[in-house]
């Protein structure tokens, strides 16, 4: 794990101020070349909290035009289980987006300088509570040339920030526990190891590592390994290696 990643994760999981957390998260994301960030969730009182780098007027226009009705990206966070990569470049298009949604994205692209993004639904206590949207200046085709480590790092930091913002805003203290092996496997995943490397590191089979990770995901209510690591970090179940 590089020093910059360690520093931002440490800041996120120890922060008691959502404003300070968001400020540092945005600062880090901009340094990593992200064009725009959005994260939203329903609190325990069913109110929606929204953190975003786009201006307030855009959100008002979005709500007033009822854009959510045809925004397939937001719809994915309401119905999907994993990350979705979408693109705004005309030459590729995106069959998952209807014409109105595609037009909305293209308007946003010209206004806020992004051409693609990854959106992820989030869950808490096995209930869908919101989503994360990380936008890039690169097109989908150009993202193929971006190092995978950069994308995975951004998704880990984004998921961890989202989880911590939710906890700070909703004051949710739902207790979660993991076995020592589950904690060990997630800790090494947080350090950037693959499941095969984790197996070699702790001296067990890859199949057993996968079993521990899958069990941890189920306990944490996570749909991906990145979300499982983010939830475990935020809940204080593992430390940053």
Protein backbone atom coordinates (compact mmCIF):
# COMPACT_ATOMS: atom_id res chain seq x y z
CA UNK A 1 0.00 0.00 0.00
CA UNK A 2 1.44 3.37 -1.01
CA UNK A 3 1.78 6.22 1.49
CA UNK A 4 -0.90 8.37 -0.17
CA UNK A 5 -3.47 5.58 -0.02
CA UNK A 6 -2.60 4.78 3.60
CA UNK A 7 -2.93 8.45 4.55
CA UNK A 8 -6.37 8.97 2.98
CA UNK A 9 -7.78 5.72 4.38
CA UNK A 10 -6.48 6.62 7.83
CA UNK A 11 -8.08 10.06 7.53
CA UNK A 12 -11.41 8.58 6.46
CA UNK A 13 -11.76 5.87 9.09
CA UNK A 14 -10.69 8.15 11.98
CA UNK A 15 -12.57 11.31 10.97
CA UNK A 16 -15.46 12.47 13.17
CA UNK A 17 -16.45 15.32 10.84
CA UNK A 18 -18.27 14.54 7.60
CA UNK A 19 -17.34 17.96 6.16
CA UNK A 20 -13.63 17.42 6.82
CA UNK A 21 -13.84 13.84 5.52
CA UNK A 22 -15.52 14.97 2.29
CA UNK A 23 -12.99 17.78 1.81
CA UNK A 24 -10.03 15.40 2.12
CA UNK A 25 -11.71 12.74 -0.03
CA UNK A 26 -12.35 15.23 -2.85
CA UNK A 27 -8.79 16.55 -2.57
CA UNK A 28 -7.44 13.01 -2.92
CA UNK A 29 -9.77 12.12 -5.81
CA UNK A 30 -8.80 15.24 -7.77
CA UNK A 31 -5.15 14.33 -7.25
CA UNK A 32 -5.98 10.92 -8.76
CA UNK A 33 -7.51 12.54 -11.84
CA UNK A 34 -11.20 12.15 -10.99
CA UNK A 35 -13.48 14.69 -12.69
CA UNK A 36 -16.55 14.52 -10.44
CA UNK A 37 -17.75 12.68 -7.33
CA UNK A 38 -21.24 11.93 -6.04
CA UNK A 39 -22.32 9.85 -3.07
CA UNK A 40 -25.78 9.64 -1.56
CA UNK A 41 -27.68 7.53 0.93
CA UNK A 42 -30.87 7.29 2.93
CA UNK A 43 -30.39 7.94 6.63
CA UNK A 44 -32.13 6.02 9.40
CA UNK A 45 -34.93 8.62 9.30
CA UNK A 46 -35.30 8.03 5.51
CA UNK A 47 -33.95 11.48 4.60
CA UNK A 48 -31.47 11.51 1.73
CA UNK A 49 -27.98 12.93 2.29
CA UNK A 50 -26.08 13.94 -0.83
CA UNK A 51 -22.40 14.81 -1.13
CA UNK A 52 -21.27 15.97 -4.55
CA UNK A 53 -18.69 18.10 -6.34
CA UNK A 54 -21.23 19.52 -8.81
CA UNK A 55 -22.97 22.82 -7.98
CA UNK A 56 -26.23 23.01 -6.07
CA UNK A 57 -28.05 24.51 -9.06
CA UNK A 58 -27.45 21.30 -11.02
CA UNK A 59 -29.07 19.22 -8.29
CA UNK A 60 -32.06 21.55 -8.17
CA UNK A 61 -32.46 21.28 -11.94
CA UNK A 62 -32.10 17.51 -11.72
CA UNK A 63 -34.90 17.28 -9.16
CA UNK A 64 -37.17 19.85 -10.82
CA UNK A 65 -36.99 18.08 -14.19
CA UNK A 66 -37.65 14.72 -12.51
CA UNK A 67 -34.53 13.37 -14.19
CA UNK A 68 -34.34 10.43 -11.80
CA UNK A 69 -37.29 8.87 -13.65
CA UNK A 70 -35.12 8.16 -16.69
CA UNK A 71 -31.62 8.17 -15.23
CA UNK A 72 -30.48 4.58 -15.70
CA UNK A 73 -27.29 5.23 -13.75
CA UNK A 74 -29.17 6.18 -10.59
CA UNK A 75 -31.59 3.36 -11.32
CA UNK A 76 -28.66 0.94 -11.25
CA UNK A 77 -27.80 2.02 -7.70
CA UNK A 78 -31.43 1.33 -6.80
CA UNK A 79 -31.62 -2.11 -8.41
CA UNK A 80 -28.14 -3.42 -9.26
CA UNK A 81 -25.80 -5.45 -7.08
CA UNK A 82 -22.38 -4.50 -8.40
CA UNK A 83 -20.38 -1.74 -10.11
CA UNK A 84 -21.51 -0.43 -13.51
CA UNK A 85 -19.14 1.24 -15.97
CA UNK A 86 -20.89 3.74 -18.24
CA UNK A 87 -19.69 6.00 -21.03
CA UNK A 88 -20.70 9.26 -22.62
CA UNK A 89 -18.63 9.05 -25.80
CA UNK A 90 -20.77 9.04 -28.93
CA UNK A 91 -18.76 6.35 -30.70
CA UNK A 92 -19.41 3.79 -27.97
CA UNK A 93 -22.74 4.74 -26.46
CA UNK A 94 -24.23 2.54 -23.78
CA UNK A 95 -27.10 0.10 -24.38
CA UNK A 96 -27.98 0.26 -20.67
CA UNK A 97 -28.95 3.92 -20.96
CA UNK A 98 -32.14 5.16 -22.55
CA UNK A 99 -31.99 8.14 -24.93
CA UNK A 100 -33.02 10.72 -22.31
CA UNK A 101 -30.47 9.43 -19.81
CA UNK A 102 -27.75 9.48 -22.46
CA UNK A 103 -28.62 13.10 -23.28
CA UNK A 104 -28.50 14.04 -19.59
CA UNK A 105 -25.03 12.52 -19.28
CA UNK A 106 -23.81 14.31 -22.41
CA UNK A 107 -25.01 17.65 -21.03
CA UNK A 108 -23.22 16.92 -17.76
CA UNK A 109 -20.12 15.92 -19.69
CA UNK A 110 -19.81 19.27 -21.44
CA UNK A 111 -20.63 21.16 -18.24
CA UNK A 112 -18.47 19.26 -15.77
CA UNK A 113 -15.71 17.71 -17.89
CA UNK A 114 -16.24 13.99 -17.55
CA UNK A 115 -16.72 11.29 -20.18
CA UNK A 116 -17.24 8.09 -18.21
CA UNK A 117 -17.89 6.84 -14.74
CA UNK A 118 -18.39 3.93 -12.39
CA UNK A 119 -21.49 3.76 -10.23
CA UNK A 120 -21.89 1.35 -7.32
CA UNK A 121 -24.86 0.58 -5.09
CA UNK A 122 -24.21 0.38 -1.36
CA UNK A 123 -25.80 -1.71 1.36
CA UNK A 124 -25.96 -1.52 5.14
CA UNK A 125 -27.28 -4.32 7.33
CA UNK A 126 -28.30 -6.08 4.08
CA UNK A 127 -30.50 -3.14 3.05
CA UNK A 128 -29.84 -0.95 0.02
CA UNK A 129 -29.07 2.54 1.31
CA UNK A 130 -27.51 4.51 -1.52
CA UNK A 131 -24.79 4.68 -4.13
CA UNK A 132 -21.47 6.11 -5.26
CA UNK A 133 -20.62 7.65 -8.62
CA UNK A 134 -16.98 8.28 -9.62
CA UNK A 135 -16.59 10.20 -12.90
CA UNK A 136 -13.50 10.28 -15.12
CA UNK A 137 -12.32 12.66 -17.86
CA UNK A 138 -11.31 9.63 -19.95
CA UNK A 139 -13.76 7.88 -22.27
CA UNK A 140 -14.61 4.23 -21.69
CA UNK A 141 -12.16 3.17 -24.39
CA UNK A 142 -9.41 5.31 -22.85
CA UNK A 143 -10.06 3.80 -19.42
CA UNK A 144 -8.83 0.50 -20.82
CA UNK A 145 -5.35 2.05 -20.81
CA UNK A 146 -5.61 3.27 -17.21
CA UNK A 147 -3.77 0.98 -14.74
CA UNK A 148 -6.20 -1.34 -12.98
CA UNK A 149 -4.54 -0.52 -9.65
CA UNK A 150 -5.60 3.12 -10.00
CA UNK A 151 -9.24 2.18 -10.57
CA UNK A 152 -9.30 -0.36 -7.72
CA UNK A 153 -7.67 2.14 -5.36
CA UNK A 154 -10.25 4.79 -6.22
CA UNK A 155 -13.10 2.34 -5.71
CA UNK A 156 -11.71 1.27 -2.33
CA UNK A 157 -11.29 4.85 -1.12
CA UNK A 158 -14.70 5.87 -2.51
CA UNK A 159 -16.46 2.93 -0.85
CA UNK A 160 -14.72 3.59 2.47
CA UNK A 161 -15.57 7.30 2.36
CA UNK A 162 -19.18 6.47 1.52
CA UNK A 163 -19.48 4.03 4.43
CA UNK A 164 -17.91 6.47 6.89
CA UNK A 165 -20.11 9.35 5.72
CA UNK A 166 -23.16 7.17 6.21
CA UNK A 167 -22.13 6.21 9.74
CA UNK A 168 -21.31 9.81 10.70
CA UNK A 169 -24.51 11.22 9.22
CA UNK A 170 -26.95 8.57 10.38
CA UNK A 171 -25.25 7.77 13.70
CA UNK A 172 -25.83 4.11 12.86
CA UNK A 173 -24.02 1.80 15.27
CA UNK A 174 -25.21 -1.63 14.09
CA UNK A 175 -22.81 -4.22 15.52
CA UNK A 176 -20.99 -6.53 13.11
CA UNK A 177 -18.48 -9.25 13.93
CA UNK A 178 -16.01 -11.25 11.86
CA UNK A 179 -13.95 -14.33 12.64
CA UNK A 180 -10.18 -13.89 13.04
CA UNK A 181 -9.57 -15.60 9.68
CA UNK A 182 -12.10 -13.35 7.93
CA UNK A 183 -10.41 -10.31 9.45
CA UNK A 184 -6.99 -11.57 8.38
CA UNK A 185 -8.08 -12.17 4.79
CA UNK A 186 -9.76 -8.76 4.47
CA UNK A 187 -6.75 -7.04 6.03
CA UNK A 188 -4.43 -8.44 3.37
CA UNK A 189 -6.95 -7.56 0.64
CA UNK A 190 -6.90 -4.00 1.98
CA UNK A 191 -3.13 -4.10 1.58
CA UNK A 192 -3.51 -4.77 -2.12
CA UNK A 193 -2.94 -8.53 -2.22
CA UNK A 194 -4.97 -10.82 -4.46
CA UNK A 195 -6.76 -13.81 -2.95
CA UNK A 196 -4.03 -16.11 -4.33
CA UNK A 197 -1.37 -13.93 -2.68
CA UNK A 198 -3.33 -13.96 0.58
CA UNK A 199 -3.41 -17.77 0.45
CA UNK A 200 0.37 -17.90 0.04
CA UNK A 201 0.86 -15.28 2.75
CA UNK A 202 -1.09 -17.04 5.49
CA UNK A 203 -0.46 -20.62 4.36
CA UNK A 204 -3.93 -21.85 3.43
CA UNK A 205 -5.53 -22.81 0.12
CA UNK A 206 -6.99 -20.29 -2.29
CA UNK A 207 -10.35 -22.05 -1.98
CA UNK A 208 -10.32 -21.53 1.80
CA UNK A 209 -9.40 -17.85 1.40
CA UNK A 210 -12.28 -17.39 -1.03
CA UNK A 211 -14.62 -19.10 1.45
CA UNK A 212 -13.56 -16.74 4.26
CA UNK A 213 -13.95 -13.68 2.01
CA UNK A 214 -17.39 -14.76 0.80
CA UNK A 215 -18.50 -15.40 4.39
CA UNK A 216 -17.20 -11.97 5.42
CA UNK A 217 -19.09 -10.33 2.54
CA UNK A 218 -22.29 -12.02 3.69
CA UNK A 219 -21.83 -10.91 7.31
CA UNK A 220 -21.05 -7.35 6.25
CA UNK A 221 -23.86 -7.14 3.71
CA UNK A 222 -21.36 -6.40 0.93
CA UNK A 223 -21.71 -7.39 -2.72
CA UNK A 224 -18.05 -6.96 -3.69
CA UNK A 225 -14.68 -7.51 -2.03
CA UNK A 226 -13.96 -3.79 -2.15
CA UNK A 227 -17.18 -3.03 -0.29
CA UNK A 228 -16.37 -5.72 2.27
CA UNK A 229 -12.96 -4.17 2.94
CA UNK A 230 -14.49 -0.68 3.12
CA UNK A 231 -17.15 -1.79 5.61
CA UNK A 232 -14.63 -3.66 7.75
CA UNK A 233 -12.29 -0.66 7.84
CA UNK A 234 -15.11 1.72 8.72
CA UNK A 235 -16.45 -0.57 11.45
CA UNK A 236 -12.98 -0.90 12.99
CA UNK A 237 -12.93 -4.65 12.36
CA UNK A 238 -9.61 -4.49 10.50
CA UNK A 239 -6.70 -2.07 10.51
CA UNK A 240 -4.95 -0.54 7.53
CA UNK A 241 -1.95 -2.83 6.88
